[in-house]
Structure formats: C-alpha cells, structure tokens
Amino acid sequence: MDRRSFLKVCTTVALTSPPLLYGVLRAGESEFKPYKKALLVNKDGKPVTPEEIKPSKEYIFFYPYRSTPCLLINLGRRADPVEVETKDGHTYLWRGGVGPDRSIVAFSAICTHQLSHPTPSTTFINYYPEGKKAKIAKRDLVIQCCAHMSAFDPAKGGKVIEGPAPFPLTAIVLSYEQGKIYALGTLGKEVYEDFFDVFKPDLRKLYGSSRKARELVDVCTVLEMEEYTEEIVRC
C-alpha cells in the first residue's frame, strides 16, 4: 500500500503579532511562513470584531488556502507568548493571542496525526470552551480530535497534551489592526501537502478542481462551526 492510500485508510477509519517578531526559531520547517494577508469577515462580509468572537463558541474559517480549515477561538482570557516544543526536539516561539484582551487565537483544524478535519458533513476535531469538558482530555479549553484522541492546548500554541499526534497544530498567525483581525501566515509544522495529496478526490468534488482547492485567499469568512458542518462529534 502506498503512502497516500495508507493515510487515506487511517483517516477514513476514524474518520499574534506581526511576522517580523517570528525570527527566533530554530527549526526550518517551523518558522513563520507568510501567506496573503487576509481579512476576517462575518457572513455579511463585514470585518469581524473581537466582540463577535464569543468565548462560548467555536468558529471556522479557511486559510491560507480556500480549502484548508482553521479554528478561530476566543479563550476568554489572555494568551501569553510561549515556547512550543515538538516531539522531535524542535522549538519555536508562539506570540500568543490578539485583540484588546489578547485572547483570540487561531489554529489549523487539520489534525497533525492523520489529517482529520472538519467537512460539510461532520467534524471530529473541535474546541471545548470553558465549562464544556472534553471527556477524554478531562478538561475544558482544549482542542480535541475524536478520530484518534489527540488533544492540543490552544492557550499554549497548540501544543500536544496527549494522544498520538506527533506535532502541535499549525498556528495561524493573526494581527489586530484598527479593530480588524487579519491572518498573516502560519507558524509550526504544516501538513498541507499531505492534506492535498490524501484528499485530492474529495477536494476536487467540493471545489471543482485541485487548482481551485489550492487557491490562496485574502478574505476569510468566519462561521460558527454548527453553521458549517452537519454533525459535530465530541468525546
């Protein structure tokens, strides 16, 4: 079985601050990677304000490509900078949250274990806000993937806190400028090439072609997760 088929089978079974601050990284693959600067907007096309991002909700948007989902989270408390260490010994500096309270963070919603991610039909990877404890992780304020039970800490740069995931979630670097929130790029190990390779047929069906699925965006529409997917699987 080739690598793409293996990943596909495994997945199916389970089915911020400006970029110049990201220069003190020691792992080449974990450095800040700039993409198009993209404005986050609500479904009416107006810039999303921090007040619209409720701590009790989880939100989805797509960046840096039109097909790559991200979680947008208001932790309800300040998220300070932290050094993130991966299982292979690499470390990098995550600069924390943005917004008036520095509580708004974003991460790729593609699990770094076997690429589970939200689709229009279902999502196994979700954020558990304060008061909604994840049964497996036994805590709230956590991102947990119910495909294979990996859990990540969004207040600590998306670091792995349990489960088989080998790397933290890819952080989406945000900026807050004149009341508007922008996505600037990514920080940490990316899994986009594997994602595009494994899910090529699905992405072609959703977006019409692989080229369209890989289009870079400069505007991101933010939706509540339940507005995007039919079934939210929690564990």
Protein backbone atom coordinates (compact mmCIF):
# COMPACT_ATOMS: atom_id res chain seq x y z
CA MET A 1 0.00 0.00 0.00
CA ASP A 2 1.46 3.39 -0.94
CA ARG A 3 1.72 6.31 1.49
CA ARG A 4 -1.30 8.17 0.20
CA SER A 5 -3.54 5.10 0.38
CA PHE A 6 -2.33 4.31 3.89
CA LEU A 7 -3.10 7.81 5.20
CA LYS A 8 -6.46 7.82 3.48
CA VAL A 9 -7.46 4.49 5.02
CA CYS A 10 -6.34 5.50 8.51
CA THR A 11 -8.20 8.79 8.38
CA THR A 12 -11.34 7.23 6.98
CA VAL A 13 -11.40 4.60 9.70
CA ALA A 14 -11.64 7.19 12.43
CA LEU A 15 -12.95 9.42 10.33
CA THR A 16 -0.27 37.15 17.39
CA SER A 17 1.67 39.99 16.31
CA PRO A 18 3.33 40.96 13.00
CA PRO A 19 5.56 38.46 11.21
CA LEU A 20 8.82 40.26 11.95
CA LEU A 21 8.51 39.00 15.52
CA TYR A 22 8.82 35.41 14.36
CA GLY A 23 12.53 35.38 13.72
CA VAL A 24 13.82 33.45 16.73
CA LEU A 25 13.09 29.93 15.51
CA ARG A 26 15.47 27.02 15.38
CA ALA A 27 13.60 24.58 13.16
CA GLY A 28 13.45 25.49 9.49
CA GLU A 29 10.13 23.75 8.93
CA SER A 30 8.66 25.51 11.99
CA GLU A 31 9.48 29.09 11.05
CA PHE A 32 6.86 31.70 10.34
CA LYS A 33 5.64 31.28 6.79
CA PRO A 34 3.87 34.32 5.34
CA TYR A 35 0.91 33.93 3.04
CA LYS A 36 -1.53 36.52 1.72
CA LYS A 37 -2.70 38.94 4.35
CA ALA A 38 -6.37 38.01 4.72
CA LEU A 39 -9.14 39.99 6.40
CA LEU A 40 -11.51 38.00 8.60
CA VAL A 41 -15.13 38.89 7.86
CA ASN A 42 -18.52 37.70 9.07
CA LYS A 43 -21.10 36.09 6.79
CA ASP A 44 -22.41 39.55 5.88
CA GLY A 45 -18.99 40.46 4.52
CA LYS A 46 -18.18 42.95 7.28
CA PRO A 47 -14.91 42.76 9.24
CA VAL A 48 -15.21 40.52 12.25
CA THR A 49 -14.79 42.38 15.53
CA PRO A 50 -13.35 40.78 18.68
CA GLU A 51 -16.75 41.22 20.34
CA GLU A 52 -18.32 38.89 17.77
CA ILE A 53 -15.97 36.04 18.69
CA LYS A 54 -17.70 34.62 21.77
CA PRO A 55 -15.68 32.56 24.29
CA SER A 56 -18.51 30.02 24.47
CA LYS A 57 -18.40 29.22 20.73
CA GLU A 58 -16.04 27.68 18.20
CA TYR A 59 -15.61 29.22 14.78
CA ILE A 60 -14.24 28.03 11.46
CA PHE A 61 -12.62 29.88 8.58
CA PHE A 62 -10.41 28.80 5.67
CA TYR A 63 -6.78 29.93 5.35
CA PRO A 64 -4.22 30.12 3.78
CA TYR A 65 -5.92 28.12 1.02
CA ARG A 66 -9.62 28.21 0.28
CA SER A 67 -9.91 24.54 1.29
CA THR A 68 -7.81 24.41 4.48
CA PRO A 69 -9.97 24.83 7.61
CA CYS A 70 -8.93 26.73 10.73
CA LEU A 71 -10.38 27.14 14.20
CA LEU A 72 -10.87 30.68 15.50
CA ILE A 73 -11.12 30.80 19.27
CA ASN A 74 -11.67 33.41 21.95
CA LEU A 75 -10.16 31.83 25.06
CA GLY A 76 -11.87 34.37 27.30
CA ARG A 77 -8.51 35.14 28.91
CA ARG A 78 -5.11 36.45 27.87
CA ALA A 79 -2.90 34.02 25.96
CA ASP A 80 0.73 34.91 26.61
CA PRO A 81 3.70 34.05 24.39
CA VAL A 82 5.14 30.60 24.93
CA GLU A 83 7.90 28.45 23.51
CA VAL A 84 6.44 25.39 21.82
CA GLU A 85 8.45 22.18 21.70
CA THR A 86 7.72 19.30 19.34
CA LYS A 87 8.37 15.62 20.00
CA ASP A 88 11.40 15.68 17.72
CA GLY A 89 13.07 18.37 19.82
CA HIS A 90 12.36 21.45 17.69
CA THR A 91 11.18 24.58 19.47
CA TYR A 92 9.66 27.84 18.28
CA LEU A 93 8.12 30.92 19.84
CA TRP A 94 4.35 31.39 19.65
CA ARG A 95 3.42 35.01 20.33
CA GLY A 96 0.04 34.43 21.98
CA GLY A 97 -3.37 35.94 21.36
CA VAL A 98 -4.54 39.11 19.65
CA GLY A 99 -7.35 41.58 20.23
CA PRO A 100 -7.98 44.02 23.08
CA ASP A 101 -7.62 41.23 25.66
CA ARG A 102 -5.06 39.21 23.65
CA SER A 103 -7.44 36.27 23.95
CA ILE A 104 -8.14 35.46 20.28
CA VAL A 105 -6.12 32.66 18.69
CA ALA A 106 -6.34 30.51 15.57
CA PHE A 107 -5.02 27.12 14.52
CA SER A 108 -5.26 24.85 11.53
CA ALA A 109 -8.17 22.45 12.05
CA ILE A 110 -6.25 19.63 10.33
CA CYS A 111 -5.05 17.16 12.97
CA THR A 112 -1.32 16.54 12.69
CA HIS A 113 -1.81 12.84 13.40
CA GLN A 114 -3.81 11.55 10.42
CA LEU A 115 -5.33 14.70 8.96
CA SER A 116 -8.84 14.51 10.41
CA HIS A 117 -10.55 17.84 9.69
CA PRO A 118 -13.99 19.48 9.52
CA THR A 119 -16.07 18.75 6.43
CA PRO A 120 -19.58 19.90 5.50
CA SER A 121 -20.94 16.57 6.76
CA THR A 122 -19.03 16.08 10.01
CA THR A 123 -16.13 17.18 12.21
CA PHE A 124 -14.18 15.11 14.72
CA ILE A 125 -11.82 17.91 15.76
CA ASN A 126 -13.31 20.62 17.94
CA TYR A 127 -12.68 23.23 20.60
CA TYR A 128 -14.15 22.69 24.07
CA PRO A 129 -14.76 26.10 25.68
CA GLU A 130 -14.82 26.84 29.38
CA GLY A 131 -17.44 24.72 31.12
CA LYS A 132 -17.60 22.07 28.36
CA LYS A 133 -15.10 19.48 29.49
CA ALA A 134 -13.75 17.01 26.94
CA LYS A 135 -14.27 13.51 28.35
CA ILE A 136 -11.01 12.10 27.03
CA ALA A 137 -8.78 15.04 27.88
CA LYS A 138 -10.74 15.56 31.13
CA ARG A 139 -10.55 19.34 30.81
CA ASP A 140 -12.02 22.31 29.01
CA LEU A 141 -10.23 25.00 27.00
CA VAL A 142 -8.82 22.27 24.79
CA ILE A 143 -8.91 21.24 21.14
CA GLN A 144 -9.55 17.51 20.90
CA CYS A 145 -9.65 15.23 17.88
CA CYS A 146 -12.08 12.37 18.43
CA ALA A 147 -10.65 10.45 15.48
CA HIS A 148 -7.69 9.13 17.50
CA MET A 149 -7.97 11.12 20.74
CA SER A 150 -5.16 13.65 20.27
CA ALA A 151 -5.60 16.79 22.35
CA PHE A 152 -4.00 20.20 21.92
CA ASP A 153 -3.71 23.28 24.13
CA PRO A 154 -4.80 26.45 22.30
CA ALA A 155 -3.50 28.64 25.13
CA LYS A 156 0.00 27.15 24.69
CA GLY A 157 0.50 27.47 20.96
CA GLY A 158 -1.50 24.35 20.04
CA LYS A 159 1.00 22.02 21.73
CA VAL A 160 0.13 18.33 22.07
CA ILE A 161 -1.08 17.50 25.58
CA GLU A 162 -1.99 13.88 24.91
CA GLY A 163 -2.59 11.35 22.17
CA PRO A 164 -0.67 10.14 19.13
CA ALA A 165 -0.28 13.47 17.30
CA PRO A 166 3.46 13.97 16.66
CA PHE A 167 3.33 17.75 16.27
CA PRO A 168 1.38 20.72 17.62
CA LEU A 169 -1.41 22.08 15.49
CA THR A 170 -0.15 24.56 12.90
CA ALA A 171 -0.72 28.02 14.37
CA ILE A 172 -2.37 30.67 12.22
CA VAL A 173 -0.60 33.95 12.90
CA LEU A 174 -3.11 36.77 13.42
CA SER A 175 -2.79 40.52 13.67
CA TYR A 176 -5.19 43.05 15.15
CA GLU A 177 -5.18 46.38 13.35
CA GLN A 178 -7.61 49.26 13.83
CA GLY A 179 -10.34 46.99 15.11
CA LYS A 180 -9.90 44.38 12.37
CA ILE A 181 -8.45 40.88 12.54
CA TYR A 182 -6.16 39.59 9.82
CA ALA A 183 -4.48 36.26 9.12
CA LEU A 184 -0.84 36.70 8.08
CA GLY A 185 0.63 33.22 7.74
CA THR A 186 1.44 30.05 9.65
CA LEU A 187 3.77 29.00 12.43
CA GLY A 188 4.82 25.43 13.11
CA LYS A 189 4.93 22.30 11.00
CA GLU A 190 2.47 22.37 8.09
CA VAL A 191 0.61 19.29 6.84
CA TYR A 192 -0.97 20.92 3.80
CA GLU A 193 0.86 18.90 1.16
CA ASP A 194 -0.24 15.64 2.77
CA PHE A 195 -3.76 17.05 3.05
CA PHE A 196 -3.91 17.95 -0.63
CA ASP A 197 -2.43 14.60 -1.62
CA VAL A 198 -4.64 12.36 0.53
CA PHE A 199 -7.91 14.18 -0.05
CA LYS A 200 -7.46 15.13 -3.69
CA PRO A 201 -10.68 13.39 -4.90
CA ASP A 202 -12.76 14.91 -2.08
CA LEU A 203 -11.36 18.39 -2.68
CA ARG A 204 -12.00 18.16 -6.41
CA LYS A 205 -15.61 17.25 -5.64
CA LEU A 206 -16.03 20.15 -3.21
CA TYR A 207 -14.15 22.84 -5.14
CA GLY A 208 -14.31 21.72 -8.76
CA SER A 209 -10.58 21.17 -9.24
CA SER A 210 -7.34 20.75 -7.31
CA ARG A 211 -6.23 24.16 -8.55
CA LYS A 212 -9.26 25.86 -7.04
CA ALA A 213 -8.81 23.99 -3.76
CA ARG A 214 -5.27 25.37 -3.54
CA GLU A 215 -6.16 28.99 -4.26
CA LEU A 216 -4.71 31.39 -1.69
CA VAL A 217 -7.24 33.71 -0.07
CA ASP A 218 -7.17 37.33 1.02
CA VAL A 219 -10.61 37.34 2.68
CA CYS A 220 -11.82 34.69 5.14
CA THR A 221 -15.46 34.25 6.10
CA VAL A 222 -15.88 33.25 9.75
CA LEU A 223 -18.75 30.93 10.64
CA GLU A 224 -19.85 29.17 13.80
CA MET A 225 -18.91 25.51 13.45
CA GLU A 226 -22.55 24.39 13.51
CA GLU A 227 -23.25 26.66 10.55
CA TYR A 228 -20.62 24.85 8.50
CA THR A 229 -20.97 21.16 9.39
CA GLU A 230 -23.99 18.92 9.83
CA GLU A 231 -22.60 16.82 12.70
CA ILE A 232 -20.18 17.78 15.46
CA VAL A 233 -18.68 14.67 17.05
CA ARG A 234 -17.44 15.26 20.60
CA CYS A 235 -15.73 12.92 23.02
